[in-house]
N, C-alpha and C. Protein backbone atom coordinates (compact mmCIF):
# COMPACT_ATOMS: atom_id res chain seq x y z
N MET A 1 23.28 16.43 -127.61
CA MET A 1 22.14 16.89 -128.66
C MET A 1 22.71 18.18 -129.22
N THR A 2 22.73 18.48 -130.63
CA THR A 2 23.14 19.55 -131.16
C THR A 2 22.13 20.65 -131.00
N ILE A 3 22.48 21.85 -131.23
CA ILE A 3 21.63 23.05 -131.27
C ILE A 3 21.07 23.14 -132.70
N PRO A 4 19.89 23.40 -132.97
CA PRO A 4 19.32 23.47 -134.37
C PRO A 4 19.87 24.62 -135.15
N ASP A 5 20.11 24.62 -136.27
CA ASP A 5 20.55 25.89 -137.19
C ASP A 5 19.21 26.80 -137.26
N GLY A 6 19.67 27.98 -137.63
CA GLY A 6 18.58 28.93 -137.98
C GLY A 6 18.17 30.03 -136.83
N GLY A 7 18.89 30.04 -135.81
CA GLY A 7 18.68 30.99 -134.74
C GLY A 7 19.23 32.34 -135.28
N GLU A 8 18.29 33.29 -135.27
CA GLU A 8 18.73 34.61 -135.86
C GLU A 8 18.95 35.75 -134.83
N ALA A 9 18.14 35.99 -134.03
CA ALA A 9 18.25 37.13 -133.03
C ALA A 9 17.37 36.91 -131.98
N ALA A 10 17.67 37.60 -130.80
CA ALA A 10 16.77 37.74 -129.62
C ALA A 10 16.35 39.15 -129.65
N ARG A 11 15.04 39.39 -129.95
CA ARG A 11 14.44 40.78 -130.06
C ARG A 11 13.69 41.07 -128.66
N PRO A 12 14.02 42.13 -127.84
CA PRO A 12 13.17 42.43 -126.72
C PRO A 12 11.95 43.01 -127.34
N PHE A 13 10.77 42.86 -126.52
CA PHE A 13 9.65 43.53 -126.65
C PHE A 13 9.59 44.77 -125.75
N LEU A 14 9.54 45.94 -126.11
CA LEU A 14 9.64 47.19 -125.34
C LEU A 14 8.22 47.62 -125.15
N PRO A 15 7.78 48.14 -123.98
CA PRO A 15 6.60 48.75 -123.72
C PRO A 15 6.44 50.12 -124.43
N THR A 16 5.17 50.49 -124.81
CA THR A 16 4.86 51.78 -125.18
C THR A 16 3.63 52.46 -124.38
N LEU A 17 3.84 53.54 -123.81
CA LEU A 17 2.69 54.33 -123.22
C LEU A 17 1.86 55.02 -124.29
N ASP A 18 2.65 55.49 -125.29
CA ASP A 18 2.02 55.95 -126.52
C ASP A 18 2.81 55.49 -127.64
N PHE A 19 2.22 54.55 -128.43
CA PHE A 19 2.77 53.98 -129.56
C PHE A 19 3.45 54.77 -130.56
N GLY A 20 2.56 55.70 -131.03
CA GLY A 20 3.10 56.68 -132.16
C GLY A 20 4.26 57.54 -131.52
N ALA A 21 4.18 57.94 -130.38
CA ALA A 21 5.35 58.83 -129.79
C ALA A 21 6.59 57.99 -129.72
N SER A 22 6.36 56.60 -129.44
CA SER A 22 7.63 55.71 -129.26
C SER A 22 8.20 55.49 -130.59
N ARG A 23 7.30 55.26 -131.65
CA ARG A 23 7.88 55.03 -133.02
C ARG A 23 8.54 56.24 -133.48
N ALA A 24 8.04 57.34 -133.26
CA ALA A 24 8.69 58.51 -133.80
C ALA A 24 10.09 58.83 -133.05
N PHE A 25 10.13 58.47 -131.68
CA PHE A 25 11.30 58.56 -130.95
C PHE A 25 12.48 57.74 -131.49
N TYR A 26 12.14 56.55 -131.72
CA TYR A 26 13.07 55.57 -132.19
C TYR A 26 13.53 55.94 -133.71
N THR A 27 12.75 56.40 -134.33
CA THR A 27 13.05 56.81 -135.72
C THR A 27 13.96 57.96 -135.80
N ALA A 28 13.66 58.90 -134.87
CA ALA A 28 14.57 60.25 -134.66
C ALA A 28 15.88 59.79 -134.06
N LEU A 29 15.97 58.83 -133.24
CA LEU A 29 17.14 58.44 -132.68
C LEU A 29 18.08 57.64 -133.68
N GLY A 30 17.50 57.08 -134.75
CA GLY A 30 18.38 56.67 -135.90
C GLY A 30 17.97 55.16 -136.13
N PHE A 31 16.95 54.65 -135.44
CA PHE A 31 16.64 53.18 -135.76
C PHE A 31 15.74 53.20 -137.12
N THR A 32 15.78 52.12 -137.73
CA THR A 32 15.04 52.01 -138.90
C THR A 32 13.73 51.03 -138.73
N GLN A 33 12.56 51.63 -139.01
CA GLN A 33 11.41 50.72 -138.83
C GLN A 33 11.25 49.79 -139.94
N VAL A 34 11.25 48.59 -139.79
CA VAL A 34 11.01 47.67 -140.76
C VAL A 34 9.63 46.78 -140.80
N PHE A 35 8.86 47.10 -139.99
CA PHE A 35 7.50 46.55 -139.78
C PHE A 35 6.60 47.36 -138.97
N ASP A 36 5.48 47.58 -139.39
CA ASP A 36 4.52 48.26 -138.72
C ASP A 36 2.99 47.65 -138.67
N GLY A 37 2.58 47.36 -137.66
CA GLY A 37 1.31 46.70 -137.49
C GLY A 37 0.72 46.89 -136.02
N GLU A 38 0.45 45.66 -135.41
CA GLU A 38 0.01 45.66 -134.19
C GLU A 38 1.26 45.86 -133.19
N VAL A 39 2.45 45.54 -133.66
CA VAL A 39 3.77 45.86 -133.12
C VAL A 39 4.55 46.69 -134.21
N ALA A 40 5.69 47.18 -133.83
CA ALA A 40 6.59 47.81 -134.75
C ALA A 40 7.96 47.24 -134.58
N ILE A 41 8.68 46.89 -135.62
CA ILE A 41 10.00 46.27 -135.45
C ILE A 41 11.04 47.30 -136.03
N PHE A 42 11.95 47.56 -135.15
CA PHE A 42 13.07 48.53 -135.52
C PHE A 42 14.36 47.99 -135.58
N THR A 43 15.25 48.25 -136.39
CA THR A 43 16.52 47.83 -136.52
C THR A 43 17.61 48.94 -136.39
N ILE A 44 18.87 48.66 -135.96
CA ILE A 44 20.02 49.50 -136.04
C ILE A 44 21.15 48.68 -135.95
N GLY A 45 22.02 48.73 -136.95
CA GLY A 45 23.06 47.78 -137.07
C GLY A 45 22.51 46.38 -137.08
N ALA A 46 23.02 45.56 -136.21
CA ALA A 46 22.70 44.11 -136.18
C ALA A 46 21.59 43.93 -134.96
N THR A 47 21.16 45.06 -134.46
CA THR A 47 20.36 44.91 -133.35
C THR A 47 18.85 45.34 -133.75
N SER A 48 17.83 44.57 -133.14
CA SER A 48 16.55 45.00 -133.45
C SER A 48 15.68 44.82 -132.13
N LEU A 49 14.62 45.53 -132.27
CA LEU A 49 13.77 45.54 -131.01
C LEU A 49 12.17 45.64 -131.59
N ILE A 50 11.36 45.27 -130.73
CA ILE A 50 9.96 45.19 -131.11
C ILE A 50 9.15 46.27 -129.97
N LEU A 51 8.42 47.15 -130.54
CA LEU A 51 7.72 47.92 -129.78
C LEU A 51 6.27 47.35 -129.62
N GLN A 52 5.73 47.16 -128.62
CA GLN A 52 4.45 46.71 -128.39
C GLN A 52 3.33 47.63 -127.82
N ARG A 53 2.26 47.36 -128.21
CA ARG A 53 1.11 48.38 -127.62
C ARG A 53 0.52 47.87 -126.35
N PHE A 54 1.57 47.89 -125.34
CA PHE A 54 1.31 47.48 -124.02
C PHE A 54 2.29 48.34 -123.21
N TYR A 55 1.67 48.65 -121.98
CA TYR A 55 2.43 49.46 -121.07
C TYR A 55 2.07 49.10 -119.62
N GLN A 56 3.02 48.92 -118.86
CA GLN A 56 2.86 48.64 -117.40
C GLN A 56 4.15 49.49 -116.79
N LYS A 57 3.73 50.49 -115.95
CA LYS A 57 4.67 51.53 -115.48
C LYS A 57 5.92 50.85 -114.80
N ASP A 58 5.65 50.04 -113.82
CA ASP A 58 6.68 49.41 -113.16
C ASP A 58 7.72 48.70 -113.89
N TRP A 59 7.33 48.00 -115.02
CA TRP A 59 8.09 47.24 -115.89
C TRP A 59 8.76 48.27 -116.79
N ALA A 60 8.08 49.16 -117.46
CA ALA A 60 8.82 50.22 -118.21
C ALA A 60 10.02 50.99 -117.58
N GLU A 61 9.66 51.42 -116.46
CA GLU A 61 10.54 52.22 -115.62
C GLU A 61 11.72 51.38 -115.09
N ASN A 62 11.64 50.09 -115.13
CA ASN A 62 12.83 49.27 -114.72
C ASN A 62 13.41 48.47 -115.83
N CYS A 63 13.04 48.74 -117.09
CA CYS A 63 13.61 48.18 -118.19
C CYS A 63 14.85 48.94 -118.75
N MET A 64 15.89 48.21 -119.00
CA MET A 64 17.08 48.82 -119.51
C MET A 64 17.53 48.12 -120.65
N MET A 65 18.11 48.92 -121.74
CA MET A 65 18.71 48.42 -122.84
C MET A 65 20.11 49.05 -123.11
N GLN A 66 20.90 48.23 -123.83
CA GLN A 66 22.25 48.91 -124.24
C GLN A 66 22.41 48.92 -125.75
N LEU A 67 23.05 49.95 -126.19
CA LEU A 67 23.35 50.04 -127.49
C LEU A 67 24.90 50.31 -127.55
N ALA A 68 25.56 49.33 -127.94
CA ALA A 68 27.12 49.64 -128.11
C ALA A 68 27.42 50.25 -129.47
N VAL A 69 28.16 51.38 -129.47
CA VAL A 69 28.36 52.13 -130.55
C VAL A 69 30.04 52.27 -130.79
N ASP A 70 30.35 52.56 -131.94
CA ASP A 70 31.81 52.73 -132.25
C ASP A 70 32.43 54.17 -131.79
N ASP A 71 31.39 55.13 -131.84
CA ASP A 71 31.92 56.58 -131.48
C ASP A 71 30.81 57.25 -130.50
N ILE A 72 31.03 57.22 -129.23
CA ILE A 72 30.16 57.66 -128.37
C ILE A 72 30.03 59.25 -128.42
N ALA A 73 31.15 59.79 -128.78
CA ALA A 73 31.15 61.27 -128.91
C ALA A 73 30.18 61.77 -130.15
N ASP A 74 30.21 61.09 -131.19
CA ASP A 74 29.35 61.29 -132.38
C ASP A 74 27.88 61.04 -131.91
N TRP A 75 27.66 59.93 -131.20
CA TRP A 75 26.40 59.58 -130.83
C TRP A 75 25.77 60.70 -129.87
N TRP A 76 26.73 61.12 -129.00
CA TRP A 76 26.06 62.31 -127.90
C TRP A 76 25.92 63.50 -128.73
N ALA A 77 26.65 63.86 -129.68
CA ALA A 77 26.27 65.17 -130.51
C ALA A 77 25.02 64.88 -131.06
N ARG A 78 24.73 63.82 -131.70
CA ARG A 78 23.31 63.55 -132.38
C ARG A 78 22.26 63.63 -131.30
N ILE A 79 22.42 62.97 -130.17
CA ILE A 79 21.42 62.93 -129.08
C ILE A 79 21.15 64.44 -128.65
N GLU A 80 22.19 65.13 -128.49
CA GLU A 80 22.04 66.57 -127.98
C GLU A 80 21.29 67.42 -129.06
N ALA A 81 21.65 67.23 -130.33
CA ALA A 81 20.99 67.96 -131.42
C ALA A 81 19.50 67.62 -131.49
N LEU A 82 19.20 66.50 -131.08
CA LEU A 82 17.58 65.97 -131.30
C LEU A 82 16.81 66.66 -130.36
N ASP A 83 17.31 67.20 -129.19
CA ASP A 83 16.31 68.03 -128.16
C ASP A 83 15.38 66.95 -127.81
N LEU A 84 15.66 65.78 -127.49
CA LEU A 84 14.62 64.71 -126.97
C LEU A 84 13.68 65.19 -125.88
N PRO A 85 14.12 65.90 -124.77
CA PRO A 85 13.11 66.39 -123.95
C PRO A 85 12.14 67.30 -124.57
N GLY A 86 12.50 68.14 -125.45
CA GLY A 86 11.62 69.17 -126.05
C GLY A 86 10.68 68.56 -127.06
N ARG A 87 11.20 67.57 -127.73
CA ARG A 87 10.33 66.89 -128.76
C ARG A 87 9.55 65.81 -128.14
N PHE A 88 9.86 65.02 -127.28
CA PHE A 88 9.17 63.86 -126.83
C PHE A 88 8.89 63.85 -125.37
N GLY A 89 9.23 64.90 -124.61
CA GLY A 89 8.86 64.93 -123.30
C GLY A 89 9.48 64.05 -122.35
N VAL A 90 10.63 63.52 -122.74
CA VAL A 90 11.42 62.51 -121.94
C VAL A 90 12.35 63.14 -120.96
N ARG A 91 12.76 62.50 -120.09
CA ARG A 91 13.74 62.86 -119.05
C ARG A 91 15.01 63.28 -119.85
N PRO A 92 15.78 64.32 -119.51
CA PRO A 92 16.93 64.75 -120.14
C PRO A 92 17.96 63.64 -120.21
N PRO A 93 18.64 63.50 -121.40
CA PRO A 93 19.77 62.47 -121.48
C PRO A 93 20.86 62.87 -120.52
N ARG A 94 21.63 61.91 -120.04
CA ARG A 94 22.80 62.20 -119.39
C ARG A 94 24.01 62.02 -120.25
N PRO A 95 25.07 63.03 -120.12
CA PRO A 95 26.14 62.85 -121.15
C PRO A 95 27.06 61.70 -120.70
N PRO A 96 27.76 61.49 -121.74
CA PRO A 96 28.86 60.26 -121.57
C PRO A 96 29.70 60.63 -120.44
N LYS A 97 29.82 59.48 -119.74
CA LYS A 97 30.69 59.40 -118.47
C LYS A 97 31.32 58.05 -118.34
N ARG A 98 32.74 58.04 -117.99
CA ARG A 98 33.37 56.81 -117.87
C ARG A 98 32.95 56.13 -116.62
N GLU A 99 32.42 55.00 -116.78
CA GLU A 99 31.97 54.32 -115.47
C GLU A 99 33.01 53.44 -114.76
N PRO A 100 32.81 53.09 -113.58
CA PRO A 100 33.85 52.38 -112.92
C PRO A 100 34.03 50.93 -113.49
N TRP A 101 33.06 50.38 -114.18
CA TRP A 101 33.37 49.09 -114.81
C TRP A 101 34.02 49.27 -116.20
N GLY A 102 34.44 50.40 -116.58
CA GLY A 102 35.32 50.50 -117.75
C GLY A 102 34.66 51.16 -118.95
N LEU A 103 33.39 51.19 -119.11
CA LEU A 103 32.73 51.65 -120.40
C LEU A 103 32.42 53.30 -120.13
N THR A 104 32.35 53.88 -121.23
CA THR A 104 31.92 55.28 -121.34
C THR A 104 30.38 54.98 -121.70
N VAL A 105 29.55 55.72 -120.91
CA VAL A 105 28.09 55.40 -121.04
C VAL A 105 27.43 56.82 -120.94
N ALA A 106 26.39 56.97 -122.11
CA ALA A 106 25.39 58.06 -122.10
C ALA A 106 24.09 57.30 -121.84
N TYR A 107 23.24 58.02 -120.99
CA TYR A 107 22.02 57.53 -120.66
C TYR A 107 20.81 58.29 -121.35
N VAL A 108 19.90 57.56 -121.93
CA VAL A 108 18.89 58.27 -122.66
C VAL A 108 17.46 57.41 -122.35
N PHE A 109 16.44 58.22 -122.02
CA PHE A 109 15.19 57.68 -121.65
C PHE A 109 14.17 57.67 -122.86
N ASP A 110 13.46 56.74 -123.04
CA ASP A 110 12.45 56.74 -124.22
C ASP A 110 11.19 57.30 -123.59
N PRO A 111 10.22 57.59 -124.44
CA PRO A 111 8.83 58.14 -124.02
C PRO A 111 8.19 57.24 -123.01
N SER A 112 8.50 56.04 -122.79
CA SER A 112 7.75 55.09 -121.93
C SER A 112 8.61 54.98 -120.58
N GLY A 113 9.77 55.42 -120.56
CA GLY A 113 10.67 55.41 -119.29
C GLY A 113 11.73 54.41 -119.44
N VAL A 114 11.78 53.62 -120.51
CA VAL A 114 12.83 52.64 -120.84
C VAL A 114 14.18 53.40 -120.80
N LEU A 115 15.22 52.92 -120.07
CA LEU A 115 16.51 53.59 -119.94
C LEU A 115 17.41 52.86 -120.93
N TRP A 116 18.03 53.65 -121.74
CA TRP A 116 19.06 53.22 -122.72
C TRP A 116 20.47 53.48 -122.25
N HIS A 117 21.36 52.59 -122.32
CA HIS A 117 22.72 52.84 -122.01
C HIS A 117 23.50 52.80 -123.42
N ILE A 118 23.85 53.94 -123.78
CA ILE A 118 24.58 54.20 -125.20
C ILE A 118 26.04 54.04 -124.72
N THR A 119 26.65 52.97 -125.16
CA THR A 119 27.93 52.76 -124.74
C THR A 119 28.99 52.73 -125.92
N ASP A 120 30.28 53.08 -125.37
CA ASP A 120 31.32 52.92 -126.36
C ASP A 120 31.64 51.31 -126.45
N ARG A 121 32.16 50.99 -127.60
CA ARG A 121 32.46 49.57 -127.88
C ARG A 121 33.92 49.40 -128.08
N PRO A 122 34.71 49.19 -127.09
CA PRO A 122 36.15 49.12 -127.32
C PRO A 122 36.50 48.04 -128.34
N ALA A 123 37.46 48.32 -129.00
CA ALA A 123 37.97 47.28 -130.07
C ALA A 123 38.18 45.99 -129.53
N ALA A 124 38.78 45.89 -128.41
CA ALA A 124 39.14 44.68 -127.77
C ALA A 124 37.91 43.89 -127.19
N THR A 125 36.62 44.49 -127.28
CA THR A 125 35.48 43.78 -126.70
C THR A 125 34.73 43.33 -127.89
N PRO A 126 34.73 41.99 -128.05
CA PRO A 126 33.65 41.56 -129.23
C PRO A 126 32.26 41.69 -129.05
N ASP A 127 31.75 42.03 -130.05
CA ASP A 127 30.17 42.16 -129.88
C ASP A 127 29.58 40.68 -129.79
N ALA A 128 28.46 40.66 -129.12
CA ALA A 128 27.86 39.45 -128.82
C ALA A 128 26.84 39.01 -130.06
N THR A 129 26.89 39.62 -131.14
CA THR A 129 26.10 39.30 -132.28
C THR A 129 26.46 37.98 -133.13
């Protein structure tokens, strides 16, 4: 059986403790809001996510996302300049570090506790988009 054409993307639904604060956070980080209603859809590059008006502490604090970028140093400079803890009350981001599995990763927490792994994207590693 063949797989039907037309599959576009898998978009995670992320929790929000404060919907407005989460929208502002993702906008500041560099995502573009393309829809606003009962949910908000954000894009960055070929990636998108959906913020929902739902929060469950255990889920939010165990949810992790990855954003692979071409220049982790540029992204880290942007993250530091944003003063995310001061503006959004989030846990302080952790600076890029080469992890044992081979990627350089910076860690950023959103206002609901979702942990983002901002990683370098080595040229030899194809994107899964």
